[in-house]
Amino acid sequence: MKVTYTARAGRDFARLRDFIRQKNPQAAQKAGRQLKKNIQTLVDQPQMGTPVEELENFRELVARDYIVRYRVLSDEIVILNIWHGKEDR
């Protein structure tokens, strides 16, 4: 099983990291590494996120302050989007 990111998820990741980088570049690097590490755990435990009721085969992983929405396919985990828990969605 592999992890892939949609273009939107890639933009989300960059946006969140850039927001932190404005105040603390080292913290931004650390947060980015930690978030990627948390996402990578889905390879071994793809069902660990909470199911999204209104969307079949979609799940959400809470990774510290971030929420990662993803979809589990037969041989792939697709990261759809990422946001901070305090963001107004």
PDB file of N, CA and C in Angstrom:
ATOM      1  N   MET A   1       0.849  -1.178   0.000  1.00  0.00           N
ATOM      2  CA  MET A   1       0.000   0.000   0.000  1.00  0.00           C
ATOM      3  C   MET A   1       0.892   1.237   0.000  1.00  0.00           C
ATOM      4  N   LYS A   2       0.489   2.229  -0.774  1.00  0.00           N
ATOM      5  CA  LYS A   2       1.267   3.463  -0.837  1.00  0.00           C
ATOM      6  C   LYS A   2       0.365   4.655  -0.534  1.00  0.00           C
ATOM      7  N   VAL A   3       0.989   5.770  -0.177  1.00  0.00           N
ATOM      8  CA  VAL A   3       0.276   7.010   0.116  1.00  0.00           C
ATOM      9  C   VAL A   3       0.515   7.976  -1.036  1.00  0.00           C
ATOM     10  N   THR A   4      -0.559   8.542  -1.562  1.00  0.00           N
ATOM     11  CA  THR A   4      -0.448   9.594  -2.565  1.00  0.00           C
ATOM     12  C   THR A   4      -1.254  10.801  -2.101  1.00  0.00           C
ATOM     13  N   TYR A   5      -0.879  11.959  -2.598  1.00  0.00           N
ATOM     14  CA  TYR A   5      -1.537  13.212  -2.239  1.00  0.00           C
ATOM     15  C   TYR A   5      -2.195  13.803  -3.477  1.00  0.00           C
ATOM     16  N   THR A   6      -3.415  14.265  -3.337  1.00  0.00           N
ATOM     17  CA  THR A   6      -4.029  15.022  -4.421  1.00  0.00           C
ATOM     18  C   THR A   6      -3.335  16.384  -4.481  1.00  0.00           C
ATOM     19  N   ALA A   7      -3.533  17.088  -5.591  1.00  0.00           N
ATOM     20  CA  ALA A   7      -2.962  18.435  -5.711  1.00  0.00           C
ATOM     21  C   ALA A   7      -3.469  19.332  -4.590  1.00  0.00           C
ATOM     22  N   ARG A   8      -4.747  19.187  -4.247  1.00  0.00           N
ATOM     23  CA  ARG A   8      -5.317  20.004  -3.174  1.00  0.00           C
ATOM     24  C   ARG A   8      -4.638  19.712  -1.842  1.00  0.00           C
ATOM     25  N   ALA A   9      -4.408  18.442  -1.548  1.00  0.00           N
ATOM     26  CA  ALA A   9      -3.741  18.074  -0.294  1.00  0.00           C
ATOM     27  C   ALA A   9      -2.323  18.636  -0.261  1.00  0.00           C
ATOM     28  N   GLY A  10      -1.642  18.609  -1.393  1.00  0.00           N
ATOM     29  CA  GLY A  10      -0.300  19.187  -1.462  1.00  0.00           C
ATOM     30  C   GLY A  10      -0.314  20.680  -1.175  1.00  0.00           C
ATOM     31  N   ARG A  11      -1.296  21.364  -1.736  1.00  0.00           N
ATOM     32  CA  ARG A  11      -1.431  22.815  -1.474  1.00  0.00           C
ATOM     33  C   ARG A  11      -1.770  23.059  -0.007  1.00  0.00           C
ATOM     34  N   ASP A  12      -2.643  22.223   0.556  1.00  0.00           N
ATOM     35  CA  ASP A  12      -3.002  22.362   1.972  1.00  0.00           C
ATOM     36  C   ASP A  12      -1.768  22.212   2.856  1.00  0.00           C
ATOM     37  N   PHE A  13      -0.978  21.181   2.575  1.00  0.00           N
ATOM     38  CA  PHE A  13       0.219  20.920   3.364  1.00  0.00           C
ATOM     39  C   PHE A  13       1.163  22.127   3.303  1.00  0.00           C
ATOM     40  N   ALA A  14       1.401  22.638   2.108  1.00  0.00           N
ATOM     41  CA  ALA A  14       2.285  23.794   1.942  1.00  0.00           C
ATOM     42  C   ALA A  14       1.728  25.031   2.652  1.00  0.00           C
ATOM     43  N   ARG A  15       0.439  25.235   2.533  1.00  0.00           N
ATOM     44  CA  ARG A  15      -0.209  26.394   3.171  1.00  0.00           C
ATOM     45  C   ARG A  15      -0.047  26.339   4.692  1.00  0.00           C
ATOM     46  N   LEU A  16      -0.287  25.187   5.266  1.00  0.00           N
ATOM     47  CA  LEU A  16      -0.181  25.044   6.719  1.00  0.00           C
ATOM     48  C   LEU A  16       1.258  25.227   7.185  1.00  0.00           C
ATOM     49  N   ARG A  17       2.190  24.645   6.472  1.00  0.00           N
ATOM     50  CA  ARG A  17       3.604  24.779   6.818  1.00  0.00           C
ATOM     51  C   ARG A  17       4.064  26.232   6.676  1.00  0.00           C
ATOM     52  N   ASP A  18       3.620  26.904   5.595  1.00  0.00           N
ATOM     53  CA  ASP A  18       4.006  28.305   5.382  1.00  0.00           C
ATOM     54  C   ASP A  18       3.443  29.222   6.462  1.00  0.00           C
ATOM     55  N   PHE A  19       2.254  28.921   6.938  1.00  0.00           N
ATOM     56  CA  PHE A  19       1.653  29.715   8.003  1.00  0.00           C
ATOM     57  C   PHE A  19       2.524  29.677   9.259  1.00  0.00           C
ATOM     58  N   ILE A  20       2.983  28.483   9.613  1.00  0.00           N
ATOM     59  CA  ILE A  20       3.846  28.341  10.801  1.00  0.00           C
ATOM     60  C   ILE A  20       5.209  28.977  10.535  1.00  0.00           C
ATOM     61  N   ARG A  21       5.728  28.808   9.325  1.00  0.00           N
ATOM     62  CA  ARG A  21       7.061  29.300   8.975  1.00  0.00           C
ATOM     63  C   ARG A  21       7.188  30.808   9.174  1.00  0.00           C
ATOM     64  N   GLN A  22       6.096  31.548   9.010  1.00  0.00           N
ATOM     65  CA  GLN A  22       6.146  33.003   9.172  1.00  0.00           C
ATOM     66  C   GLN A  22       6.618  33.408  10.563  1.00  0.00           C
ATOM     67  N   LYS A  23       6.277  32.609  11.549  1.00  0.00           N
ATOM     68  CA  LYS A  23       6.645  32.954  12.927  1.00  0.00           C
ATOM     69  C   LYS A  23       7.803  32.122  13.452  1.00  0.00           C
ATOM     70  N   ASN A  24       7.939  30.884  12.927  1.00  0.00           N
ATOM     71  CA  ASN A  24       8.971  30.011  13.459  1.00  0.00           C
ATOM     72  C   ASN A  24       9.355  28.953  12.417  1.00  0.00           C
ATOM     73  N   PRO A  25      10.387  29.227  11.631  1.00  0.00           N
ATOM     74  CA  PRO A  25      10.786  28.290  10.573  1.00  0.00           C
ATOM     75  C   PRO A  25      11.127  26.885  11.075  1.00  0.00           C
ATOM     76  N   GLN A  26      11.771  26.790  12.221  1.00  0.00           N
ATOM     77  CA  GLN A  26      12.119  25.474  12.763  1.00  0.00           C
ATOM     78  C   GLN A  26      10.869  24.701  13.161  1.00  0.00           C
ATOM     79  N   ALA A  27       9.914  25.385  13.739  1.00  0.00           N
ATOM     80  CA  ALA A  27       8.661  24.725  14.118  1.00  0.00           C
ATOM     81  C   ALA A  27       7.906  24.243  12.882  1.00  0.00           C
ATOM     82  N   ALA A  28       7.991  24.991  11.810  1.00  0.00           N
ATOM     83  CA  ALA A  28       7.326  24.593  10.566  1.00  0.00           C
ATOM     84  C   ALA A  28       7.926  23.298  10.026  1.00  0.00           C
ATOM     85  N   GLN A  29       9.243  23.184  10.062  1.00  0.00           N
ATOM     86  CA  GLN A  29       9.893  21.951   9.610  1.00  0.00           C
ATOM     87  C   GLN A  29       9.491  20.773  10.484  1.00  0.00           C
ATOM     88  N   LYS A  30       9.502  20.995  11.780  1.00  0.00           N
ATOM     89  CA  LYS A  30       9.143  19.923  12.714  1.00  0.00           C
ATOM     90  C   LYS A  30       7.682  19.495  12.522  1.00  0.00           C
ATOM     91  N   ALA A  31       6.787  20.463  12.395  1.00  0.00           N
ATOM     92  CA  ALA A  31       5.367  20.151  12.211  1.00  0.00           C
ATOM     93  C   ALA A  31       5.148  19.391  10.910  1.00  0.00           C
ATOM     94  N   GLY A  32       5.851  19.791   9.854  1.00  0.00           N
ATOM     95  CA  GLY A  32       5.731  19.111   8.569  1.00  0.00           C
ATOM     96  C   GLY A  32       6.201  17.669   8.641  1.00  0.00           C
ATOM     97  N   ARG A  33       7.338  17.460   9.291  1.00  0.00           N
ATOM     98  CA  ARG A  33       7.852  16.083   9.454  1.00  0.00           C
ATOM     99  C   ARG A  33       6.898  15.225  10.268  1.00  0.00           C
ATOM    100  N   GLN A  34       6.380  15.793  11.349  1.00  0.00           N
ATOM    101  CA  GLN A  34       5.479  15.029  12.216  1.00  0.00           C
ATOM    102  C   GLN A  34       4.180  14.675  11.489  1.00  0.00           C
ATOM    103  N   LEU A  35       3.644  15.617  10.745  1.00  0.00           N
ATOM    104  CA  LEU A  35       2.407  15.361  10.014  1.00  0.00           C
ATOM    105  C   LEU A  35       2.616  14.259   8.971  1.00  0.00           C
ATOM    106  N   LYS A  36       3.726  14.314   8.245  1.00  0.00           N
ATOM    107  CA  LYS A  36       4.022  13.265   7.264  1.00  0.00           C
ATOM    108  C   LYS A  36       4.193  11.907   7.942  1.00  0.00           C
ATOM    109  N   LYS A  37       4.828  11.908   9.095  1.00  0.00           N
ATOM    110  CA  LYS A  37       5.017  10.661   9.844  1.00  0.00           C
ATOM    111  C   LYS A  37       3.662  10.084  10.268  1.00  0.00           C
ATOM    112  N   ASN A  38       2.781  10.943  10.757  1.00  0.00           N
ATOM    113  CA  ASN A  38       1.447  10.489  11.162  1.00  0.00           C
ATOM    114  C   ASN A  38       0.670   9.937   9.972  1.00  0.00           C
ATOM    115  N   ILE A  39       0.768  10.602   8.841  1.00  0.00           N
ATOM    116  CA  ILE A  39       0.077  10.137   7.638  1.00  0.00           C
ATOM    117  C   ILE A  39       0.643   8.797   7.187  1.00  0.00           C
ATOM    118  N   GLN A  40       1.941   8.628   7.303  1.00  0.00           N
ATOM    119  CA  GLN A  40       2.582   7.380   6.864  1.00  0.00           C
ATOM    120  C   GLN A  40       2.117   6.181   7.690  1.00  0.00           C
ATOM    121  N   THR A  41       1.656   6.403   8.924  1.00  0.00           N
ATOM    122  CA  THR A  41       1.156   5.276   9.733  1.00  0.00           C
ATOM    123  C   THR A  41      -0.064   4.623   9.093  1.00  0.00           C
ATOM    124  N   LEU A  42      -0.722   5.345   8.192  1.00  0.00           N
ATOM    125  CA  LEU A  42      -1.895   4.780   7.516  1.00  0.00           C
ATOM    126  C   LEU A  42      -1.532   3.605   6.622  1.00  0.00           C
ATOM    127  N   VAL A  43      -0.284   3.510   6.202  1.00  0.00           N
ATOM    128  CA  VAL A  43       0.136   2.391   5.368  1.00  0.00           C
ATOM    129  C   VAL A  43      -0.103   1.074   6.097  1.00  0.00           C
ATOM    130  N   ASP A  44       0.235   1.036   7.378  1.00  0.00           N
ATOM    131  CA  ASP A  44       0.059  -0.182   8.169  1.00  0.00           C
ATOM    132  C   ASP A  44      -1.317  -0.286   8.803  1.00  0.00           C
ATOM    133  N   GLN A  45      -1.984   0.852   8.989  1.00  0.00           N
ATOM    134  CA  GLN A  45      -3.287   0.867   9.656  1.00  0.00           C
ATOM    135  C   GLN A  45      -4.254   1.783   8.899  1.00  0.00           C
ATOM    136  N   PRO A  46      -4.630   1.419   7.700  1.00  0.00           N
ATOM    137  CA  PRO A  46      -5.446   2.325   6.877  1.00  0.00           C
ATOM    138  C   PRO A  46      -6.833   2.615   7.443  1.00  0.00           C
ATOM    139  N   GLN A  47      -7.324   1.762   8.307  1.00  0.00           N
ATOM    140  CA  GLN A  47      -8.665   1.965   8.862  1.00  0.00           C
ATOM    141  C   GLN A  47      -8.648   2.730  10.188  1.00  0.00           C
ATOM    142  N   MET A  48      -7.509   3.270  10.581  1.00  0.00           N
ATOM    143  CA  MET A  48      -7.420   3.904  11.899  1.00  0.00           C
ATOM    144  C   MET A  48      -8.186   5.226  11.990  1.00  0.00           C
ATOM    145  N   GLY A  49      -8.427   5.883  10.892  1.00  0.00           N
ATOM    146  CA  GLY A  49      -9.180   7.132  10.910  1.00  0.00           C
ATOM    147  C   GLY A  49     -10.665   6.880  11.106  1.00  0.00           C
ATOM    148  N   THR A  50     -11.370   7.911  11.484  1.00  0.00           N
ATOM    149  CA  THR A  50     -12.817   7.840  11.690  1.00  0.00           C
ATOM    150  C   THR A  50     -13.535   7.900  10.347  1.00  0.00           C
ATOM    151  N   PRO A  51     -14.504   7.002  10.118  1.00  0.00           N
ATOM    152  CA  PRO A  51     -15.253   7.064   8.857  1.00  0.00           C
ATOM    153  C   PRO A  51     -16.021   8.383   8.729  1.00  0.00           C
ATOM    154  N   VAL A  52     -16.090   8.900   7.520  1.00  0.00           N
ATOM    155  CA  VAL A  52     -16.894  10.081   7.226  1.00  0.00           C
ATOM    156  C   VAL A  52     -18.262   9.550   6.807  1.00  0.00           C
ATOM    157  N   GLU A  53     -19.253   9.792   7.626  1.00  0.00           N
ATOM    158  CA  GLU A  53     -20.569   9.178   7.441  1.00  0.00           C
ATOM    159  C   GLU A  53     -21.185   9.434   6.070  1.00  0.00           C
ATOM    160  N   GLU A  54     -21.090  10.661   5.598  1.00  0.00           N
ATOM    161  CA  GLU A  54     -21.768  10.998   4.349  1.00  0.00           C
ATOM    162  C   GLU A  54     -20.978  10.596   3.099  1.00  0.00           C
ATOM    163  N   LEU A  55     -19.753  10.094   3.266  1.00  0.00           N
ATOM    164  CA  LEU A  55     -18.920   9.731   2.123  1.00  0.00           C
ATOM    165  C   LEU A  55     -18.382   8.308   2.297  1.00  0.00           C
ATOM    166  N   GLU A  56     -18.783   7.418   1.431  1.00  0.00           N
ATOM    167  CA  GLU A  56     -18.360   6.025   1.526  1.00  0.00           C
ATOM    168  C   GLU A  56     -16.864   5.891   1.215  1.00  0.00           C
ATOM    169  N   ASN A  57     -16.175   5.095   2.016  1.00  0.00           N
ATOM    170  CA  ASN A  57     -14.734   4.824   1.878  1.00  0.00           C
ATOM    171  C   ASN A  57     -13.843   6.031   2.152  1.00  0.00           C
ATOM    172  N   PHE A  58     -14.378   7.048   2.798  1.00  0.00           N
ATOM    173  CA  PHE A  58     -13.581   8.205   3.189  1.00  0.00           C
ATOM    174  C   PHE A  58     -13.418   8.172   4.705  1.00  0.00           C
ATOM    175  N   ARG A  59     -12.253   8.584   5.148  1.00  0.00           N
ATOM    176  CA  ARG A  59     -11.968   8.582   6.579  1.00  0.00           C
ATOM    177  C   ARG A  59     -11.236   9.870   6.942  1.00  0.00           C
ATOM    178  N   GLU A  60     -11.216  10.180   8.236  1.00  0.00           N
ATOM    179  CA  GLU A  60     -10.476  11.342   8.733  1.00  0.00           C
ATOM    180  C   GLU A  60      -9.562  10.908   9.869  1.00  0.00           C
ATOM    181  N   LEU A  61      -8.322  11.300   9.742  1.00  0.00           N
ATOM    182  CA  LEU A  61      -7.312  11.033  10.749  1.00  0.00           C
ATOM    183  C   LEU A  61      -7.031  12.336  11.489  1.00  0.00           C
ATOM    184  N   VAL A  62      -7.129  12.303  12.806  1.00  0.00           N
ATOM    185  CA  VAL A  62      -6.740  13.453  13.614  1.00  0.00           C
ATOM    186  C   VAL A  62      -5.281  13.248  13.987  1.00  0.00           C
ATOM    187  N   ALA A  63      -4.437  14.150  13.516  1.00  0.00           N
ATOM    188  CA  ALA A  63      -2.996  14.071  13.751  1.00  0.00           C
ATOM    189  C   ALA A  63      -2.573  15.342  14.482  1.00  0.00           C
ATOM    190  N   ARG A  64      -2.586  15.255  15.786  1.00  0.00           N
ATOM    191  CA  ARG A  64      -2.337  16.413  16.647  1.00  0.00           C
ATOM    192  C   ARG A  64      -3.377  17.487  16.369  1.00  0.00           C
ATOM    193  N   ASP A  65      -2.953  18.630  15.850  1.00  0.00           N
ATOM    194  CA  ASP A  65      -3.886  19.736  15.592  1.00  0.00           C
ATOM    195  C   ASP A  65      -4.482  19.700  14.193  1.00  0.00           C
ATOM    196  N   TYR A  66      -4.139  18.698  13.424  1.00  0.00           N
ATOM    197  CA  TYR A  66      -4.537  18.646  12.018  1.00  0.00           C
ATOM    198  C   TYR A  66      -5.526  17.511  11.750  1.00  0.00           C
ATOM    199  N   ILE A  67      -6.329  17.729  10.731  1.00  0.00           N
ATOM    200  CA  ILE A  67      -7.283  16.715  10.299  1.00  0.00           C
ATOM    201  C   ILE A  67      -6.933  16.377   8.862  1.00  0.00           C
ATOM    202  N   VAL A  68      -6.789  15.092   8.614  1.00  0.00           N
ATOM    203  CA  VAL A  68      -6.406  14.597   7.298  1.00  0.00           C
ATOM    204  C   VAL A  68      -7.563  13.762   6.761  1.00  0.00           C
ATOM    205  N   ARG A  69      -8.150  14.193   5.668  1.00  0.00           N
ATOM    206  CA  ARG A  69      -9.218  13.401   5.036  1.00  0.00           C
ATOM    207  C   ARG A  69      -8.577  12.563   3.943  1.00  0.00           C
ATOM    208  N   TYR A  70      -8.903  11.279   3.956  1.00  0.00           N
ATOM    209  CA  TYR A  70      -8.300  10.370   2.990  1.00  0.00           C
ATOM    210  C   TYR A  70      -9.285   9.304   2.544  1.00  0.00           C
ATOM    211  N   ARG A  71      -8.903   8.624   1.476  1.00  0.00           N
ATOM    212  CA  ARG A  71      -9.722   7.548   0.937  1.00  0.00           C
ATOM    213  C   ARG A  71      -8.845   6.309   0.808  1.00  0.00           C
ATOM    214  N   VAL A  72      -9.383   5.177   1.207  1.00  0.00           N
ATOM    215  CA  VAL A  72      -8.655   3.919   1.125  1.00  0.00           C
ATOM    216  C   VAL A  72      -9.098   3.186  -0.135  1.00  0.00           C
ATOM    217  N   LEU A  73      -8.135   2.913  -1.007  1.00  0.00           N
ATOM    218  CA  LEU A  73      -8.385   2.120  -2.201  1.00  0.00           C
ATOM    219  C   LEU A  73      -7.712   0.757  -2.013  1.00  0.00           C
ATOM    220  N   SER A  74      -7.791  -0.099  -2.961  1.00  0.00           N
ATOM    221  CA  SER A  74      -7.260  -1.457  -2.794  1.00  0.00           C
ATOM    222  C   SER A  74      -5.763  -1.482  -2.507  1.00  0.00           C
ATOM    223  N   ASP A  75      -4.981  -0.638  -3.162  1.00  0.00           N
ATOM    224  CA  ASP A  75      -3.535  -0.649  -2.958  1.00  0.00           C
ATOM    225  C   ASP A  75      -2.959   0.746  -2.697  1.00  0.00           C
ATOM    226  N   GLU A  76      -3.834   1.678  -2.330  1.00  0.00           N
ATOM    227  CA  GLU A  76      -3.407   3.065  -2.205  1.00  0.00           C
ATOM    228  C   GLU A  76      -4.252   3.811  -1.177  1.00  0.00           C
ATOM    229  N   ILE A  77      -3.599   4.721  -0.485  1.00  0.00           N
ATOM    230  CA  ILE A  77      -4.290   5.657   0.399  1.00  0.00           C
ATOM    231  C   ILE A  77      -4.129   7.027  -0.241  1.00  0.00           C
ATOM    232  N   VAL A  78      -5.237   7.646  -0.564  1.00  0.00           N
ATOM    233  CA  VAL A  78      -5.204   8.939  -1.246  1.00  0.00           C
ATOM    234  C   VAL A  78      -5.540  10.021  -0.229  1.00  0.00           C
ATOM    235  N   ILE A  79      -4.592  10.909   0.018  1.00  0.00           N
ATOM    236  CA  ILE A  79      -4.814  12.034   0.924  1.00  0.00           C
ATOM    237  C   ILE A  79      -5.524  13.109   0.117  1.00  0.00           C
ATOM    238  N   LEU A  80      -6.727  13.462   0.558  1.00  0.00           N
ATOM    239  CA  LEU A  80      -7.560  14.387  -0.201  1.00  0.00           C
ATOM    240  C   LEU A  80      -7.369  15.834   0.222  1.00  0.00           C
ATOM    241  N   ASN A  81      -7.386  16.074   1.514  1.00  0.00           N
ATOM    242  CA  ASN A  81      -7.126  17.420   2.014  1.00  0.00           C
ATOM    243  C   ASN A  81      -6.716  17.375   3.474  1.00  0.00           C
ATOM    244  N   ILE A  82      -6.098  18.469   3.901  1.00  0.00           N
ATOM    245  CA  ILE A  82      -5.553  18.585   5.256  1.00  0.00           C
ATOM    246  C   ILE A  82      -5.897  19.980   5.758  1.00  0.00           C
ATOM    247  N   TRP A  83      -6.334  20.073   6.993  1.00  0.00           N
ATOM    248  CA  TRP A  83      -6.601  21.383   7.560  1.00  0.00           C
ATOM    249  C   TRP A  83      -6.308  21.371   9.054  1.00  0.00           C
ATOM    250  N   HIS A  84      -6.125  22.559   9.606  1.00  0.00           N
ATOM    251  CA  HIS A  84      -5.917  22.718  11.042  1.00  0.00           C
ATOM    252  C   HIS A  84      -7.269  22.663  11.725  1.00  0.00           C
ATOM    253  N   GLY A  85      -7.315  22.039  12.873  1.00  0.00           N
ATOM    254  CA  GLY A  85      -8.578  21.889  13.601  1.00  0.00           C
ATOM    255  C   GLY A  85      -9.264  23.196  13.958  1.00  0.00           C
ATOM    256  N   LYS A  86      -8.517  24.293  14.023  1.00  0.00           N
ATOM    257  CA  LYS A  86      -9.110  25.587  14.363  1.00  0.00           C
ATOM    258  C   LYS A  86      -9.547  26.389  13.139  1.00  0.00           C
ATOM    259  N   GLU A  87      -9.281  25.851  11.967  1.00  0.00           N
ATOM    260  CA  GLU A  87      -9.688  26.569  10.748  1.00  0.00           C
ATOM    261  C   GLU A  87     -11.196  26.555  10.599  1.00  0.00           C
ATOM    262  N   ASP A  88     -11.726  27.634  10.077  1.00  0.00           N
ATOM    263  CA  ASP A  88     -13.154  27.707   9.770  1.00  0.00           C
ATOM    264  C   ASP A  88     -13.363  27.075   8.400  1.00  0.00           C
ATOM    265  N   ARG A  89     -13.944  25.915   8.407  1.00  0.00           N
ATOM    266  CA  ARG A  89     -14.129  25.206   7.136  1.00  0.00           C
ATOM    267  C   ARG A  89     -15.452  25.565   6.558  1.00  0.00           C
TER     268      ARG A  89
END
